[in-house]
Amino acid sequence: MAMSERMGWVRAAVGAALIVAPGPPLRFSNREPPTGASLLLLRTIGIRDLVLGFGTVAASRSGSVSDARRWTTMALASDSLDVAASLASMRSIGKRDSLVAAAMASVFVVKDVYVLRALLGSIDEPAEGTTSSA
């Protein structure tokens, strides 16, 4: 199984977990019980991760390195923006929660960069029926 496919499965699993059970991550802050709005927010993040994960898996299985790169780049963009949004929210959610959220997203950023670097070293195979001019 390719590294990008494994990362896609991990992201899809995280997304599914957030959709099915968004409460436990929200209770981590121990400040107040989860609200309907916060449960909805975590479920929408779960939906996003599920889509990015399955897209990455499908692209990896297609054999197209450029498709796998594209999906991994989109995941990297999403995770990087999660880090930025988490840090920008420090005044409204508190320093600890902001840093924890940023750290969790940073784990995915690091892995996305690692996978993307490996994919950038790969070359797409020529389409069936075409010849390569090597």
Protein backbone atom coordinates (compact mmCIF):
# COMPACT_ATOMS: atom_id res chain seq x y z
CA MET A 1 0.00 0.00 0.00
CA ALA A 2 1.40 3.38 -1.01
CA MET A 3 2.23 5.98 1.62
CA SER A 4 -0.38 8.38 0.20
CA GLU A 5 -3.03 5.66 0.35
CA ARG A 6 -2.22 4.92 4.01
CA MET A 7 -2.43 8.63 4.83
CA GLY A 8 -5.77 8.78 3.04
CA TRP A 9 -7.12 5.90 5.12
CA VAL A 10 -5.94 7.55 8.34
CA ARG A 11 -7.61 10.83 7.36
CA ALA A 12 -10.82 9.03 6.37
CA ALA A 13 -10.85 7.17 9.71
CA VAL A 14 -10.39 10.42 11.64
CA GLY A 15 -13.17 11.99 9.59
CA ALA A 16 -15.53 9.08 10.24
CA ALA A 17 -14.76 9.20 13.97
CA LEU A 18 -15.54 12.93 14.10
CA ILE A 19 -18.82 12.40 12.28
CA VAL A 20 -19.94 9.50 14.50
CA ALA A 21 -18.61 10.74 17.86
CA PRO A 22 -17.72 14.45 17.87
CA GLY A 23 -18.29 14.79 21.63
CA PRO A 24 -15.13 13.22 23.09
CA PRO A 25 -12.68 15.60 21.35
CA LEU A 26 -14.83 18.54 22.46
CA ARG A 27 -14.82 17.38 26.08
CA PHE A 28 -11.02 17.51 26.03
CA SER A 29 -11.08 21.22 26.87
CA ASN A 30 -13.12 20.50 30.07
CA ARG A 31 -14.53 24.02 30.00
CA GLU A 32 -18.17 23.47 29.17
CA PRO A 33 -20.35 20.73 27.74
CA PRO A 34 -20.39 20.52 23.94
CA THR A 35 -23.07 22.63 22.29
CA GLY A 36 -25.10 21.71 19.25
CA ALA A 37 -23.09 24.21 17.22
CA SER A 38 -19.74 22.78 18.32
CA LEU A 39 -20.93 19.22 17.57
CA LEU A 40 -22.01 20.36 14.10
CA LEU A 41 -18.66 22.07 13.53
CA LEU A 42 -16.70 18.94 14.40
CA ARG A 43 -18.97 16.83 12.20
CA THR A 44 -18.38 19.16 9.24
CA ILE A 45 -14.62 18.88 9.85
CA GLY A 46 -15.14 15.12 9.86
CA ILE A 47 -16.97 15.28 6.55
CA ARG A 48 -14.13 17.31 5.05
CA ASP A 49 -11.52 14.83 6.30
CA LEU A 50 -13.56 11.87 5.10
CA VAL A 51 -13.79 13.37 1.59
CA LEU A 52 -10.09 14.31 1.51
CA GLY A 53 -9.19 10.85 2.79
CA PHE A 54 -11.28 8.90 0.29
CA GLY A 55 -10.13 11.21 -2.52
CA THR A 56 -6.52 10.55 -1.60
CA VAL A 57 -7.13 6.79 -1.45
CA ALA A 58 -8.89 6.78 -4.83
CA ALA A 59 -6.15 8.89 -6.42
CA SER A 60 -3.45 6.65 -4.99
CA ARG A 61 -5.20 3.52 -6.23
CA SER A 62 -5.69 5.01 -9.70
CA GLY A 63 -1.95 4.86 -10.25
CA SER A 64 -1.80 8.52 -11.25
CA VAL A 65 0.95 10.19 -9.25
CA SER A 66 -0.29 13.62 -10.35
CA ASP A 67 -3.77 12.87 -8.93
CA ALA A 68 -2.23 11.66 -5.66
CA ARG A 69 -0.11 14.83 -5.53
CA ARG A 70 -3.16 17.00 -6.15
CA TRP A 71 -5.19 15.38 -3.35
CA THR A 72 -2.23 15.46 -0.96
CA THR A 73 -1.64 19.13 -1.78
CA MET A 74 -5.28 19.93 -1.01
CA ALA A 75 -5.03 18.06 2.30
CA LEU A 76 -1.84 20.00 3.11
CA ALA A 77 -3.57 23.29 2.33
CA SER A 78 -6.52 22.35 4.53
CA ASP A 79 -4.32 21.25 7.43
CA SER A 80 -2.09 24.32 7.15
CA LEU A 81 -5.13 26.58 7.27
CA ASP A 82 -6.34 24.62 10.31
CA VAL A 83 -3.07 25.47 12.08
CA ALA A 84 -3.40 29.15 11.15
CA ALA A 85 -7.07 29.31 12.20
CA SER A 86 -6.29 27.57 15.48
CA LEU A 87 -3.57 30.06 16.34
CA ALA A 88 -5.69 33.01 15.20
CA SER A 89 -8.44 31.86 17.58
CA MET A 90 -6.22 32.05 20.67
CA ARG A 91 -8.02 35.08 22.13
CA SER A 92 -11.47 33.55 21.72
CA ILE A 93 -10.81 29.93 22.75
CA GLY A 94 -7.84 30.34 25.07
CA LYS A 95 -4.15 29.73 24.70
CA ARG A 96 -4.16 26.07 25.73
CA ASP A 97 -7.02 25.01 23.43
CA SER A 98 -5.57 27.04 20.58
CA LEU A 99 -2.15 25.44 20.92
CA VAL A 100 -3.59 21.93 21.28
CA ALA A 101 -5.71 22.38 18.13
CA ALA A 102 -2.73 23.80 16.23
CA ALA A 103 -0.50 20.94 17.40
CA MET A 104 -3.03 18.30 16.31
CA ALA A 105 -3.33 19.89 12.85
CA SER A 106 0.46 20.24 12.68
CA VAL A 107 0.85 16.48 12.95
CA PHE A 108 -1.13 16.15 9.72
CA VAL A 109 0.84 19.01 8.10
CA VAL A 110 4.12 17.21 8.80
CA LYS A 111 2.80 13.93 7.43
CA ASP A 112 1.28 15.68 4.38
CA VAL A 113 4.64 17.29 3.60
CA TYR A 114 6.40 13.95 4.01
CA VAL A 115 3.98 12.19 1.63
CA LEU A 116 4.05 15.06 -0.86
CA ARG A 117 7.86 15.06 -0.96
CA ALA A 118 7.79 11.33 -1.72
CA LEU A 119 5.19 11.90 -4.45
CA LEU A 120 7.21 14.75 -5.98
CA GLY A 121 10.04 12.27 -6.45
CA SER A 122 7.70 9.98 -8.41
CA ILE A 123 6.99 10.25 -12.10
CA ASP A 124 3.65 9.47 -13.74
CA GLU A 125 3.63 6.42 -15.94
CA PRO A 126 2.76 7.19 -19.57
CA ALA A 127 -0.89 6.65 -20.38
CA GLU A 128 -1.75 3.33 -21.97
CA GLY A 129 -1.20 3.37 -25.71
CA THR A 130 1.36 6.20 -25.61
CA THR A 131 5.09 5.98 -25.84
CA SER A 132 7.67 7.71 -23.78
CA SER A 133 10.41 9.70 -25.48
CA ALA A 134 13.25 8.75 -23.18
